[in-house]
């Protein structure tokens, strides 16, 4: 799932078969790669998004007169909601698992 090439936009890369979009997550502006794949037929559209860093993803399937527009808007809405909340949850979990105080052997005896 690594990029095979980059395009003119520094936040977009191409994999095989993925399109890779880089977004900045809040609050620390960390870069997060979204591996996406989309497809369209007249009246139908699909969007598949994986976020490997966090082991999550989502898919959107729609059938409308103009489904691609709705899929892009919905994917943006989901991403705008999902990234900050997931970043917060991941940070809180890391704090619980890894944050603490290191004591030297001399400090432990005291």
N, C-alpha and C. Protein backbone atom coordinates (compact mmCIF):
# COMPACT_ATOMS: atom_id res chain seq x y z
N UNK A 1 0.82 -1.19 0.00
CA UNK A 1 0.00 0.00 0.00
C UNK A 1 0.86 1.26 0.00
N UNK A 2 2.08 1.14 -0.39
CA UNK A 2 2.97 2.30 -0.45
C UNK A 2 2.78 3.04 -1.77
N UNK A 3 3.03 4.35 -1.77
CA UNK A 3 2.92 5.10 -3.03
C UNK A 3 3.91 4.62 -4.07
N UNK A 4 3.47 4.60 -5.30
CA UNK A 4 4.36 4.26 -6.41
C UNK A 4 4.83 5.52 -7.13
N UNK A 5 4.08 6.59 -6.96
CA UNK A 5 4.45 7.85 -7.60
C UNK A 5 3.66 8.99 -7.02
N UNK A 6 4.15 10.19 -7.24
CA UNK A 6 3.49 11.37 -6.71
C UNK A 6 3.03 12.24 -7.88
N UNK A 7 2.04 13.05 -7.62
CA UNK A 7 1.51 13.95 -8.64
C UNK A 7 1.87 15.38 -8.25
N UNK A 8 1.42 16.34 -9.03
CA UNK A 8 1.78 17.74 -8.78
C UNK A 8 1.31 18.22 -7.40
N UNK A 9 0.18 17.73 -6.94
CA UNK A 9 -0.32 18.10 -5.62
C UNK A 9 0.48 17.34 -4.56
N UNK A 10 1.14 18.04 -3.63
CA UNK A 10 1.96 17.33 -2.64
C UNK A 10 1.17 16.47 -1.67
N UNK A 11 -0.15 16.62 -1.66
CA UNK A 11 -0.99 15.84 -0.76
C UNK A 11 -1.65 14.66 -1.47
N UNK A 12 -1.18 14.32 -2.67
CA UNK A 12 -1.77 13.23 -3.43
C UNK A 12 -0.67 12.36 -4.02
N UNK A 13 -0.87 11.05 -3.91
CA UNK A 13 0.07 10.09 -4.49
C UNK A 13 -0.73 8.99 -5.16
N UNK A 14 -0.06 8.17 -5.93
CA UNK A 14 -0.72 7.07 -6.62
C UNK A 14 -0.03 5.78 -6.19
N UNK A 15 -0.84 4.79 -5.81
CA UNK A 15 -0.33 3.47 -5.47
C UNK A 15 -0.81 2.48 -6.51
N UNK A 16 -0.81 1.23 -6.17
CA UNK A 16 -1.32 0.22 -7.08
C UNK A 16 -2.26 -0.68 -6.30
N UNK A 17 -3.52 -0.56 -6.39
CA UNK A 17 -4.35 0.29 -7.27
C UNK A 17 -4.92 1.51 -6.55
N UNK A 18 -4.30 1.98 -5.51
CA UNK A 18 -4.87 3.02 -4.66
C UNK A 18 -4.52 4.43 -5.11
N UNK A 19 -5.43 5.36 -4.81
CA UNK A 19 -5.11 6.78 -4.82
C UNK A 19 -4.87 7.13 -3.36
N UNK A 20 -3.78 7.78 -3.07
CA UNK A 20 -3.41 8.06 -1.68
C UNK A 20 -3.50 9.56 -1.45
N UNK A 21 -4.33 9.92 -0.50
CA UNK A 21 -4.54 11.33 -0.16
C UNK A 21 -3.96 11.56 1.22
N UNK A 22 -3.16 12.60 1.35
CA UNK A 22 -2.56 12.93 2.65
C UNK A 22 -3.34 14.09 3.26
N UNK A 23 -3.81 13.87 4.48
CA UNK A 23 -4.52 14.92 5.21
C UNK A 23 -3.79 15.23 6.50
N UNK A 24 -3.95 16.45 6.95
CA UNK A 24 -3.40 16.83 8.25
C UNK A 24 -4.47 16.63 9.30
N UNK A 25 -4.15 15.85 10.32
CA UNK A 25 -5.13 15.62 11.38
C UNK A 25 -4.93 16.66 12.47
N UNK A 26 -5.99 17.01 13.12
CA UNK A 26 -5.93 17.97 14.22
C UNK A 26 -5.69 17.21 15.50
N UNK A 27 -5.19 17.74 16.54
CA UNK A 27 -4.76 19.12 16.74
C UNK A 27 -3.29 19.34 16.43
N UNK A 28 -2.53 18.29 16.10
CA UNK A 28 -1.09 18.48 15.93
C UNK A 28 -0.64 18.49 14.47
N UNK A 29 -1.58 18.52 13.55
CA UNK A 29 -1.28 18.58 12.11
C UNK A 29 -0.41 17.43 11.63
N UNK A 30 -0.58 16.26 12.22
CA UNK A 30 0.14 15.06 11.78
C UNK A 30 -0.43 14.61 10.43
N UNK A 31 0.43 14.18 9.53
CA UNK A 31 -0.03 13.72 8.22
C UNK A 31 -0.59 12.30 8.34
N UNK A 32 -1.76 12.10 7.76
CA UNK A 32 -2.42 10.80 7.75
C UNK A 32 -2.71 10.44 6.30
N UNK A 33 -2.32 9.23 5.89
CA UNK A 33 -2.57 8.78 4.53
C UNK A 33 -3.91 8.06 4.45
N UNK A 34 -4.74 8.48 3.51
CA UNK A 34 -6.00 7.81 3.21
C UNK A 34 -5.82 7.09 1.89
N UNK A 35 -5.99 5.78 1.90
CA UNK A 35 -5.89 4.98 0.68
C UNK A 35 -7.32 4.83 0.15
N UNK A 36 -7.55 5.37 -1.03
CA UNK A 36 -8.91 5.42 -1.56
C UNK A 36 -9.01 4.70 -2.89
N UNK A 37 -10.20 4.24 -3.17
CA UNK A 37 -10.52 3.68 -4.47
C UNK A 37 -11.96 4.03 -4.75
N UNK A 38 -12.21 4.57 -5.92
CA UNK A 38 -13.58 4.94 -6.27
C UNK A 38 -13.91 4.41 -7.65
N UNK A 39 -15.19 4.33 -7.90
CA UNK A 39 -15.65 3.86 -9.20
C UNK A 39 -17.03 4.40 -9.49
N UNK A 40 -17.33 4.54 -10.77
CA UNK A 40 -18.62 5.10 -11.18
C UNK A 40 -19.17 4.34 -12.39
N UNK A 41 -20.46 4.24 -12.41
CA UNK A 41 -21.24 3.83 -13.57
C UNK A 41 -22.38 4.83 -13.67
N UNK A 42 -23.01 4.97 -14.80
CA UNK A 42 -24.11 5.93 -14.88
C UNK A 42 -25.16 5.67 -13.79
N UNK A 43 -25.33 6.65 -12.91
CA UNK A 43 -26.31 6.55 -11.84
C UNK A 43 -25.81 5.89 -10.56
N UNK A 44 -24.57 5.39 -10.57
CA UNK A 44 -24.03 4.69 -9.40
C UNK A 44 -22.61 5.19 -9.12
N UNK A 45 -22.25 5.19 -7.84
CA UNK A 45 -20.91 5.61 -7.47
C UNK A 45 -20.49 4.88 -6.20
N UNK A 46 -19.20 4.61 -6.09
CA UNK A 46 -18.68 3.97 -4.88
C UNK A 46 -17.38 4.66 -4.47
N UNK A 47 -17.16 4.66 -3.18
CA UNK A 47 -15.94 5.24 -2.60
C UNK A 47 -15.52 4.33 -1.47
N UNK A 48 -14.28 3.89 -1.49
CA UNK A 48 -13.73 3.00 -0.47
C UNK A 48 -12.50 3.68 0.11
N UNK A 49 -12.44 3.84 1.43
CA UNK A 49 -11.34 4.55 2.07
C UNK A 49 -10.78 3.70 3.21
N UNK A 50 -9.46 3.52 3.20
CA UNK A 50 -8.76 2.84 4.28
C UNK A 50 -7.77 3.81 4.91
N UNK A 51 -7.65 3.76 6.23
CA UNK A 51 -6.65 4.55 6.94
C UNK A 51 -5.77 3.55 7.69
N UNK A 52 -4.71 3.06 7.02
CA UNK A 52 -3.89 1.99 7.59
C UNK A 52 -3.24 2.35 8.92
N UNK A 53 -2.87 3.61 9.12
CA UNK A 53 -2.23 4.01 10.38
C UNK A 53 -3.09 3.67 11.59
N UNK A 54 -4.38 3.72 11.42
CA UNK A 54 -5.29 3.50 12.54
C UNK A 54 -6.12 2.23 12.40
N UNK A 55 -5.99 1.51 11.31
CA UNK A 55 -6.73 0.27 11.13
C UNK A 55 -8.23 0.48 10.98
N UNK A 56 -8.63 1.59 10.36
CA UNK A 56 -10.05 1.85 10.16
C UNK A 56 -10.30 2.21 8.69
N UNK A 57 -11.55 2.24 8.33
CA UNK A 57 -11.92 2.64 6.98
C UNK A 57 -13.42 2.76 6.86
N UNK A 58 -13.87 3.14 5.69
CA UNK A 58 -15.31 3.23 5.43
C UNK A 58 -15.55 3.12 3.93
N UNK A 59 -16.78 2.79 3.59
CA UNK A 59 -17.16 2.74 2.18
C UNK A 59 -18.50 3.44 2.00
N UNK A 60 -18.68 3.98 0.82
CA UNK A 60 -19.92 4.68 0.47
C UNK A 60 -20.39 4.13 -0.87
N UNK A 61 -21.62 3.70 -0.92
CA UNK A 61 -22.24 3.26 -2.17
C UNK A 61 -23.49 4.10 -2.38
N UNK A 62 -23.64 4.66 -3.56
CA UNK A 62 -24.82 5.49 -3.78
C UNK A 62 -25.37 5.30 -5.18
N UNK A 63 -26.66 5.53 -5.28
CA UNK A 63 -27.37 5.48 -6.55
C UNK A 63 -28.26 6.72 -6.61
N UNK A 64 -27.90 7.65 -7.45
CA UNK A 64 -28.61 8.93 -7.57
C UNK A 64 -28.44 9.44 -8.99
N UNK A 65 -29.07 10.56 -9.25
CA UNK A 65 -28.88 11.20 -10.55
C UNK A 65 -27.45 11.70 -10.71
N UNK A 66 -26.85 12.19 -9.61
CA UNK A 66 -25.48 12.69 -9.63
C UNK A 66 -24.72 12.11 -8.43
N UNK A 67 -24.49 10.79 -8.40
CA UNK A 67 -23.96 10.15 -7.19
C UNK A 67 -22.53 10.54 -6.84
N UNK A 68 -21.70 10.84 -7.81
CA UNK A 68 -20.31 11.15 -7.52
C UNK A 68 -20.19 12.38 -6.63
N UNK A 69 -20.96 13.41 -6.93
CA UNK A 69 -20.94 14.63 -6.12
C UNK A 69 -21.30 14.32 -4.68
N UNK A 70 -22.34 13.52 -4.48
CA UNK A 70 -22.76 13.19 -3.12
C UNK A 70 -21.72 12.32 -2.41
N UNK A 71 -21.10 11.40 -3.13
CA UNK A 71 -20.07 10.57 -2.51
C UNK A 71 -18.89 11.40 -2.03
N UNK A 72 -18.46 12.35 -2.83
CA UNK A 72 -17.33 13.21 -2.44
C UNK A 72 -17.71 14.05 -1.22
N UNK A 73 -18.89 14.63 -1.23
CA UNK A 73 -19.34 15.43 -0.08
C UNK A 73 -19.45 14.59 1.18
N UNK A 74 -20.02 13.40 1.04
CA UNK A 74 -20.18 12.52 2.20
C UNK A 74 -18.83 12.02 2.71
N UNK A 75 -17.92 11.69 1.81
CA UNK A 75 -16.57 11.25 2.22
C UNK A 75 -15.85 12.38 2.96
N UNK A 76 -15.99 13.61 2.48
CA UNK A 76 -15.38 14.75 3.18
C UNK A 76 -15.98 14.93 4.57
N UNK A 77 -17.30 14.79 4.67
CA UNK A 77 -17.97 14.94 5.96
C UNK A 77 -17.51 13.85 6.94
N UNK A 78 -17.45 12.61 6.47
CA UNK A 78 -17.01 11.51 7.33
C UNK A 78 -15.57 11.73 7.76
N UNK A 79 -14.72 12.10 6.82
CA UNK A 79 -13.31 12.30 7.13
C UNK A 79 -13.12 13.46 8.11
N UNK A 80 -13.85 14.55 7.90
CA UNK A 80 -13.74 15.70 8.81
C UNK A 80 -14.17 15.35 10.22
N UNK A 81 -15.08 14.39 10.36
CA UNK A 81 -15.54 13.96 11.67
C UNK A 81 -14.65 12.86 12.23
N UNK A 82 -14.28 11.92 11.38
CA UNK A 82 -13.56 10.73 11.81
C UNK A 82 -12.12 11.01 12.23
N UNK A 83 -11.41 11.81 11.45
CA UNK A 83 -9.98 12.02 11.75
C UNK A 83 -9.74 12.67 13.11
N UNK A 84 -10.38 13.79 13.43
CA UNK A 84 -10.10 14.39 14.74
C UNK A 84 -10.50 13.50 15.91
N UNK A 85 -11.65 12.84 15.82
CA UNK A 85 -12.08 12.00 16.93
C UNK A 85 -11.19 10.76 17.08
N UNK A 86 -10.76 10.19 15.97
CA UNK A 86 -9.86 9.03 16.04
C UNK A 86 -8.50 9.44 16.56
N UNK A 87 -7.99 10.58 16.11
CA UNK A 87 -6.70 11.08 16.60
C UNK A 87 -6.75 11.28 18.12
N UNK A 88 -7.85 11.82 18.62
CA UNK A 88 -8.01 12.03 20.06
C UNK A 88 -8.05 10.69 20.79
N UNK A 89 -8.80 9.73 20.27
CA UNK A 89 -8.90 8.42 20.91
C UNK A 89 -7.55 7.70 20.91
N UNK A 90 -6.83 7.77 19.82
CA UNK A 90 -5.52 7.13 19.73
C UNK A 90 -4.55 7.77 20.72
N UNK A 91 -4.59 9.09 20.82
CA UNK A 91 -3.71 9.81 21.75
C UNK A 91 -4.03 9.43 23.21
N UNK A 92 -5.32 9.35 23.54
CA UNK A 92 -5.71 8.98 24.91
C UNK A 92 -5.29 7.55 25.23
N UNK A 93 -5.44 6.64 24.27
CA UNK A 93 -5.03 5.26 24.49
C UNK A 93 -3.51 5.16 24.68
N UNK A 94 -2.77 5.90 23.88
CA UNK A 94 -1.31 5.89 24.01
C UNK A 94 -0.89 6.45 25.37
N UNK A 95 -1.58 7.48 25.84
CA UNK A 95 -1.26 8.03 27.16
C UNK A 95 -1.48 6.99 28.25
N UNK A 96 -2.58 6.24 28.16
CA UNK A 96 -2.86 5.21 29.16
C UNK A 96 -1.83 4.08 29.12
N UNK A 97 -1.42 3.71 27.92
CA UNK A 97 -0.53 2.56 27.77
C UNK A 97 0.94 2.90 27.99
N UNK A 98 1.36 4.10 27.59
CA UNK A 98 2.79 4.36 27.53
C UNK A 98 3.28 5.54 28.38
N UNK A 99 2.41 6.39 28.85
CA UNK A 99 2.86 7.54 29.64
C UNK A 99 3.16 7.11 31.06
N UNK A 100 4.14 7.71 31.66
CA UNK A 100 4.48 7.39 33.04
C UNK A 100 5.79 8.03 33.44
N UNK A 101 6.29 7.59 34.55
CA UNK A 101 7.54 8.12 35.09
C UNK A 101 8.56 7.00 35.14
N UNK A 102 9.75 7.29 34.68
CA UNK A 102 10.83 6.32 34.72
C UNK A 102 11.65 6.57 35.97
N UNK A 103 11.90 5.51 36.72
CA UNK A 103 12.70 5.61 37.95
C UNK A 103 14.00 4.84 37.77
N UNK A 104 15.08 5.43 38.20
CA UNK A 104 16.36 4.72 38.19
C UNK A 104 16.39 3.77 39.37
N UNK A 105 17.28 2.78 39.37
CA UNK A 105 17.35 1.85 40.51
C UNK A 105 17.56 2.57 41.84
N UNK A 106 18.35 3.63 41.85
CA UNK A 106 18.59 4.38 43.10
C UNK A 106 17.30 5.03 43.60
N UNK A 107 16.48 5.50 42.70
CA UNK A 107 15.21 6.14 43.09
C UNK A 107 14.24 5.10 43.64
N UNK A 108 14.29 3.89 43.14
CA UNK A 108 13.37 2.85 43.61
C UNK A 108 13.66 2.44 45.05
N UNK A 109 14.93 2.48 45.46
CA UNK A 109 15.30 2.08 46.82
C UNK A 109 14.87 3.12 47.86
N UNK A 110 14.74 4.34 47.43
CA UNK A 110 14.43 5.42 48.38
C UNK A 110 13.00 5.38 48.84
